Amino acid sequence: TGPEGKVMVIGMGTSVYTLPVSAAALREVDLLGSFRYANTYPAAMEVLSTDSDEGLAFSKLITHQLDELDATEDALSMACKKEE
């Protein structure tokens, strides 16, 4: 994220992480975290709805869109596949 941006950490799988805290502090980045999913979605929606004039371009993070619930297995398979 850019200066004064927000980073959301959701569903952490382990209790210890190494983060560049001084770099985040120098850039005045907000770090939002949730160990479990309670109350995560409202905060995530707030971050995602931030005006794009602030430099947020979430569309660049989207590589695939699947419209059907039946495509769930394909989506998980793609997510686990490493790029060659």
Protein backbone atom coordinates (compact mmCIF):
# COMPACT_ATOMS: atom_id res chain seq x y z
CA THR A 1 0.00 0.00 0.00
CA GLY A 2 1.04 3.58 -0.41
CA PRO A 3 1.76 6.15 2.30
CA GLU A 4 -1.12 6.49 4.77
CA GLY A 5 -2.65 3.29 3.34
CA LYS A 6 -4.29 0.40 5.15
CA VAL A 7 -3.25 -3.24 5.36
CA MET A 8 -5.72 -5.84 6.59
CA VAL A 9 -4.44 -9.15 7.97
CA ILE A 10 -7.23 -11.74 8.14
CA GLY A 11 -7.27 -15.35 9.29
CA MET A 12 -3.70 -15.66 10.51
CA GLY A 13 -2.65 -19.32 10.57
CA THR A 14 0.21 -19.04 13.04
CA SER A 15 0.83 -16.95 16.14
CA VAL A 16 4.20 -15.44 15.13
CA TYR A 17 4.80 -13.18 12.11
CA THR A 18 7.68 -10.92 11.18
CA LEU A 19 6.47 -7.53 9.98
CA PRO A 20 8.48 -4.44 8.97
CA VAL A 21 6.86 -2.27 11.64
CA SER A 22 9.30 0.63 11.31
CA ALA A 23 8.64 0.83 7.54
CA ALA A 24 4.90 0.85 8.19
CA ALA A 25 5.27 3.54 10.85
CA LEU A 26 7.44 5.75 8.62
CA ARG A 27 4.83 5.53 5.85
CA GLU A 28 1.99 6.01 8.38
CA VAL A 29 0.33 2.77 7.27
CA ASP A 30 -2.58 1.44 9.33
CA LEU A 31 -2.36 -2.27 10.12
CA LEU A 32 -5.74 -3.85 10.81
CA GLY A 33 -5.81 -7.42 12.01
CA SER A 34 -8.19 -10.11 13.10
CA PHE A 35 -7.09 -13.47 14.49
CA ARG A 36 -10.50 -14.91 13.72
CA TYR A 37 -13.22 -13.72 11.41
CA ALA A 38 -15.46 -11.96 13.94
CA ASN A 39 -16.05 -8.33 12.95
CA THR A 40 -13.61 -8.63 10.02
CA TYR A 41 -15.99 -8.14 7.13
CA PRO A 42 -17.30 -4.65 8.05
CA ALA A 43 -13.73 -3.36 8.37
CA ALA A 44 -12.73 -5.04 5.09
CA MET A 45 -15.71 -3.51 3.30
CA GLU A 46 -14.77 -0.09 4.64
CA VAL A 47 -11.22 -0.46 3.30
CA LEU A 48 -12.45 -1.73 -0.07
CA SER A 49 -14.95 1.12 -0.43
CA THR A 50 -12.27 3.79 0.02
CA ASP A 51 -12.20 6.32 -2.82
CA SER A 52 -9.84 5.21 -5.60
CA ASP A 53 -8.35 8.73 -5.68
CA GLU A 54 -6.28 7.62 -2.69
CA GLY A 55 -4.30 5.27 -4.91
CA LEU A 56 -6.19 2.07 -4.12
CA ALA A 57 -6.54 -0.18 -7.15
CA PHE A 58 -8.07 -3.42 -5.93
CA SER A 59 -9.03 -4.38 -9.49
CA LYS A 60 -5.32 -5.02 -10.15
CA LEU A 61 -5.41 -7.79 -7.52
CA ILE A 62 -8.23 -9.68 -9.24
CA THR A 63 -6.93 -12.29 -11.68
CA HIS A 64 -10.08 -14.37 -12.23
CA GLN A 65 -13.82 -13.95 -11.72
CA LEU A 66 -16.08 -16.97 -11.42
CA ASP A 67 -19.81 -16.31 -11.44
CA GLU A 68 -21.19 -19.70 -10.54
CA LEU A 69 -21.12 -21.38 -7.15
CA ASP A 70 -20.49 -24.64 -9.04
CA ALA A 71 -17.07 -23.23 -10.00
CA THR A 72 -15.86 -23.33 -6.37
CA GLU A 73 -13.76 -26.46 -6.95
CA ASP A 74 -12.13 -24.86 -10.00
CA ALA A 75 -11.46 -21.67 -8.03
CA LEU A 76 -9.74 -23.54 -5.21
CA SER A 77 -7.71 -25.54 -7.72
CA MET A 78 -6.54 -22.32 -9.42
CA ALA A 79 -5.69 -20.72 -6.07
CA CYS A 80 -3.46 -23.67 -5.12
CA LYS A 81 -1.71 -23.87 -8.49
CA LYS A 82 1.72 -22.28 -8.77
CA GLU A 83 2.52 -20.11 -11.78
CA GLU A 84 5.13 -21.63 -14.07
